[in-house]
């Protein structure tokens, strides 16, 4: 039987999810596990499924992407010069901006959607 809980250092600075069929996400730590009987009932499964999908979307939002992957539906993004975030983003905007620094903006992350606080 495989070890269910992996060493946390294995996942440090790495994505824990991967996209699966239908646009949902799977948890990489469950690959190769026998999932039958892992959940005691449907409500536990559903809560886990929602949590994994939210984690996957968050990881996607925080993953640097190459300039070629940008499209106008993404809107304004935070742009970086290289593939490592060692300095703050130097540009905020999109490729369609007239003053976009095409020669130096190589990687981006989308600006995350902020949750509204209900009062």
C-alpha atoms as a PDB file:
ATOM      1  CA  UNK A   1       0.000   0.000   0.000  1.00  0.00           C
ATOM      2  CA  UNK A   2       1.280   3.445  -0.885  1.00  0.00           C
ATOM      3  CA  UNK A   3       1.911   6.037   1.768  1.00  0.00           C
ATOM      4  CA  UNK A   4      -1.083   8.414   1.764  1.00  0.00           C
ATOM      5  CA  UNK A   5       0.578  11.382   3.443  1.00  0.00           C
ATOM      6  CA  UNK A   6       3.579  12.478   1.477  1.00  0.00           C
ATOM      7  CA  UNK A   7       6.485  14.416   2.861  1.00  0.00           C
ATOM      8  CA  UNK A   8       5.446  18.111   2.788  1.00  0.00           C
ATOM      9  CA  UNK A   9       8.851  19.137   1.436  1.00  0.00           C
ATOM     10  CA  UNK A  10       8.036  17.167  -1.738  1.00  0.00           C
ATOM     11  CA  UNK A  11       5.247  19.671  -2.448  1.00  0.00           C
ATOM     12  CA  UNK A  12       7.000  22.863  -1.440  1.00  0.00           C
ATOM     13  CA  UNK A  13       6.742  25.355  -4.336  1.00  0.00           C
ATOM     14  CA  UNK A  14       5.033  22.765  -6.549  1.00  0.00           C
ATOM     15  CA  UNK A  15       1.439  22.453  -7.718  1.00  0.00           C
ATOM     16  CA  UNK A  16      -0.560  19.869  -5.776  1.00  0.00           C
ATOM     17  CA  UNK A  17      -3.313  19.568  -8.388  1.00  0.00           C
ATOM     18  CA  UNK A  18      -3.545  18.782 -12.076  1.00  0.00           C
ATOM     19  CA  UNK A  19      -6.392  19.407 -14.482  1.00  0.00           C
ATOM     20  CA  UNK A  20      -8.535  16.384 -15.262  1.00  0.00           C
ATOM     21  CA  UNK A  21     -11.360  15.551 -17.642  1.00  0.00           C
ATOM     22  CA  UNK A  22     -14.105  18.167 -17.846  1.00  0.00           C
ATOM     23  CA  UNK A  23     -12.029  21.026 -16.453  1.00  0.00           C
ATOM     24  CA  UNK A  24     -12.022  19.772 -12.866  1.00  0.00           C
ATOM     25  CA  UNK A  25      -8.862  19.134 -10.876  1.00  0.00           C
ATOM     26  CA  UNK A  26      -7.379  16.052  -9.249  1.00  0.00           C
ATOM     27  CA  UNK A  27      -5.130  15.991  -6.231  1.00  0.00           C
ATOM     28  CA  UNK A  28      -1.673  14.724  -7.170  1.00  0.00           C
ATOM     29  CA  UNK A  29      -1.210  13.080  -3.743  1.00  0.00           C
ATOM     30  CA  UNK A  30      -4.102  10.705  -4.552  1.00  0.00           C
ATOM     31  CA  UNK A  31      -2.613   9.389  -7.810  1.00  0.00           C
ATOM     32  CA  UNK A  32      -2.368   5.622  -7.647  1.00  0.00           C
ATOM     33  CA  UNK A  33      -4.582   5.388  -4.553  1.00  0.00           C
ATOM     34  CA  UNK A  34      -7.641   3.132  -4.371  1.00  0.00           C
ATOM     35  CA  UNK A  35     -10.337   5.796  -4.018  1.00  0.00           C
ATOM     36  CA  UNK A  36     -13.203   3.365  -3.359  1.00  0.00           C
ATOM     37  CA  UNK A  37     -14.047   3.603   0.305  1.00  0.00           C
ATOM     38  CA  UNK A  38     -11.874   6.680   0.837  1.00  0.00           C
ATOM     39  CA  UNK A  39     -14.993   8.757   1.510  1.00  0.00           C
ATOM     40  CA  UNK A  40     -17.526   7.662   4.116  1.00  0.00           C
ATOM     41  CA  UNK A  41     -20.464   9.277   2.280  1.00  0.00           C
ATOM     42  CA  UNK A  42     -21.375  11.539  -0.625  1.00  0.00           C
ATOM     43  CA  UNK A  43     -21.265  14.760   1.428  1.00  0.00           C
ATOM     44  CA  UNK A  44     -17.631  14.128   2.388  1.00  0.00           C
ATOM     45  CA  UNK A  45     -16.755  13.352  -1.238  1.00  0.00           C
ATOM     46  CA  UNK A  46     -18.543  16.500  -2.484  1.00  0.00           C
ATOM     47  CA  UNK A  47     -16.828  18.761   0.091  1.00  0.00           C
ATOM     48  CA  UNK A  48     -13.448  17.268  -0.881  1.00  0.00           C
ATOM     49  CA  UNK A  49     -14.196  17.719  -4.601  1.00  0.00           C
ATOM     50  CA  UNK A  50     -15.098  21.400  -4.077  1.00  0.00           C
ATOM     51  CA  UNK A  51     -11.945  22.006  -2.003  1.00  0.00           C
ATOM     52  CA  UNK A  52      -9.677  20.356  -4.601  1.00  0.00           C
ATOM     53  CA  UNK A  53     -11.230  22.404  -7.418  1.00  0.00           C
ATOM     54  CA  UNK A  54     -10.825  25.660  -5.469  1.00  0.00           C
ATOM     55  CA  UNK A  55      -7.193  24.769  -4.720  1.00  0.00           C
ATOM     56  CA  UNK A  56      -6.602  23.944  -8.397  1.00  0.00           C
ATOM     57  CA  UNK A  57      -8.033  27.279  -9.528  1.00  0.00           C
ATOM     58  CA  UNK A  58      -5.919  29.131  -6.961  1.00  0.00           C
ATOM     59  CA  UNK A  59      -2.768  27.292  -8.055  1.00  0.00           C
ATOM     60  CA  UNK A  60      -3.535  28.116 -11.686  1.00  0.00           C
ATOM     61  CA  UNK A  61      -4.000  31.772 -10.791  1.00  0.00           C
ATOM     62  CA  UNK A  62      -0.628  31.852  -9.032  1.00  0.00           C
ATOM     63  CA  UNK A  63       1.336  30.020 -11.742  1.00  0.00           C
ATOM     64  CA  UNK A  64       3.535  32.108 -14.041  1.00  0.00           C
ATOM     65  CA  UNK A  65       2.541  31.771 -17.694  1.00  0.00           C
ATOM     66  CA  UNK A  66       4.465  32.612 -20.844  1.00  0.00           C
ATOM     67  CA  UNK A  67       3.499  35.656 -22.891  1.00  0.00           C
ATOM     68  CA  UNK A  68       2.222  33.412 -25.733  1.00  0.00           C
ATOM     69  CA  UNK A  69      -0.497  32.008 -23.438  1.00  0.00           C
ATOM     70  CA  UNK A  70      -2.106  35.412 -22.818  1.00  0.00           C
ATOM     71  CA  UNK A  71      -5.406  36.211 -24.545  1.00  0.00           C
ATOM     72  CA  UNK A  72      -7.650  39.237 -24.306  1.00  0.00           C
ATOM     73  CA  UNK A  73     -10.234  37.440 -22.140  1.00  0.00           C
ATOM     74  CA  UNK A  74      -7.627  37.438 -19.358  1.00  0.00           C
ATOM     75  CA  UNK A  75      -7.681  41.223 -19.180  1.00  0.00           C
ATOM     76  CA  UNK A  76      -5.009  43.104 -17.266  1.00  0.00           C
ATOM     77  CA  UNK A  77      -2.284  40.941 -15.733  1.00  0.00           C
ATOM     78  CA  UNK A  78       0.862  41.365 -13.652  1.00  0.00           C
ATOM     79  CA  UNK A  79       3.942  41.050 -15.895  1.00  0.00           C
ATOM     80  CA  UNK A  80       7.450  39.886 -14.976  1.00  0.00           C
ATOM     81  CA  UNK A  81      10.768  39.928 -16.831  1.00  0.00           C
ATOM     82  CA  UNK A  82      11.836  36.361 -16.152  1.00  0.00           C
ATOM     83  CA  UNK A  83      10.413  33.031 -14.987  1.00  0.00           C
ATOM     84  CA  UNK A  84      11.288  33.613 -11.346  1.00  0.00           C
ATOM     85  CA  UNK A  85       9.565  36.138  -9.166  1.00  0.00           C
ATOM     86  CA  UNK A  86      12.574  37.822  -7.623  1.00  0.00           C
ATOM     87  CA  UNK A  87      11.299  41.361  -7.994  1.00  0.00           C
ATOM     88  CA  UNK A  88       7.858  42.972  -8.041  1.00  0.00           C
ATOM     89  CA  UNK A  89       5.942  42.958 -11.336  1.00  0.00           C
ATOM     90  CA  UNK A  90       7.123  45.812 -13.520  1.00  0.00           C
ATOM     91  CA  UNK A  91       3.982  46.225 -15.623  1.00  0.00           C
ATOM     92  CA  UNK A  92       0.225  45.869 -15.129  1.00  0.00           C
ATOM     93  CA  UNK A  93      -1.911  45.553 -18.247  1.00  0.00           C
ATOM     94  CA  UNK A  94      -2.324  43.461 -21.374  1.00  0.00           C
ATOM     95  CA  UNK A  95      -0.700  42.815 -24.740  1.00  0.00           C
ATOM     96  CA  UNK A  96      -3.216  45.086 -26.469  1.00  0.00           C
ATOM     97  CA  UNK A  97      -2.065  48.161 -24.525  1.00  0.00           C
ATOM     98  CA  UNK A  98      -0.334  50.737 -26.734  1.00  0.00           C
ATOM     99  CA  UNK A  99       2.588  51.083 -24.298  1.00  0.00           C
ATOM    100  CA  UNK A 100       3.020  47.334 -23.585  1.00  0.00           C
ATOM    101  CA  UNK A 101       6.739  46.498 -23.120  1.00  0.00           C
ATOM    102  CA  UNK A 102       6.753  43.596 -25.604  1.00  0.00           C
ATOM    103  CA  UNK A 103      10.523  43.146 -25.551  1.00  0.00           C
ATOM    104  CA  UNK A 104      10.827  42.653 -21.791  1.00  0.00           C
ATOM    105  CA  UNK A 105       7.452  41.295 -20.547  1.00  0.00           C
ATOM    106  CA  UNK A 106       7.902  37.528 -20.791  1.00  0.00           C
ATOM    107  CA  UNK A 107       5.747  36.022 -18.011  1.00  0.00           C
ATOM    108  CA  UNK A 108       2.476  36.951 -16.327  1.00  0.00           C
ATOM    109  CA  UNK A 109      -0.078  35.983 -13.708  1.00  0.00           C
ATOM    110  CA  UNK A 110      -3.689  37.018 -13.840  1.00  0.00           C
ATOM    111  CA  UNK A 111      -4.846  39.525 -11.262  1.00  0.00           C
ATOM    112  CA  UNK A 112      -6.858  37.401  -8.821  1.00  0.00           C
ATOM    113  CA  UNK A 113     -10.545  38.032  -8.303  1.00  0.00           C
ATOM    114  CA  UNK A 114     -11.070  39.327  -4.796  1.00  0.00           C
ATOM    115  CA  UNK A 115     -13.949  37.909  -2.768  1.00  0.00           C
ATOM    116  CA  UNK A 116     -16.417  40.472  -1.491  1.00  0.00           C
ATOM    117  CA  UNK A 117     -17.120  40.563   2.222  1.00  0.00           C
ATOM    118  CA  UNK A 118     -20.786  40.140   3.052  1.00  0.00           C
ATOM    119  CA  UNK A 119     -22.003  42.484   5.749  1.00  0.00           C
END
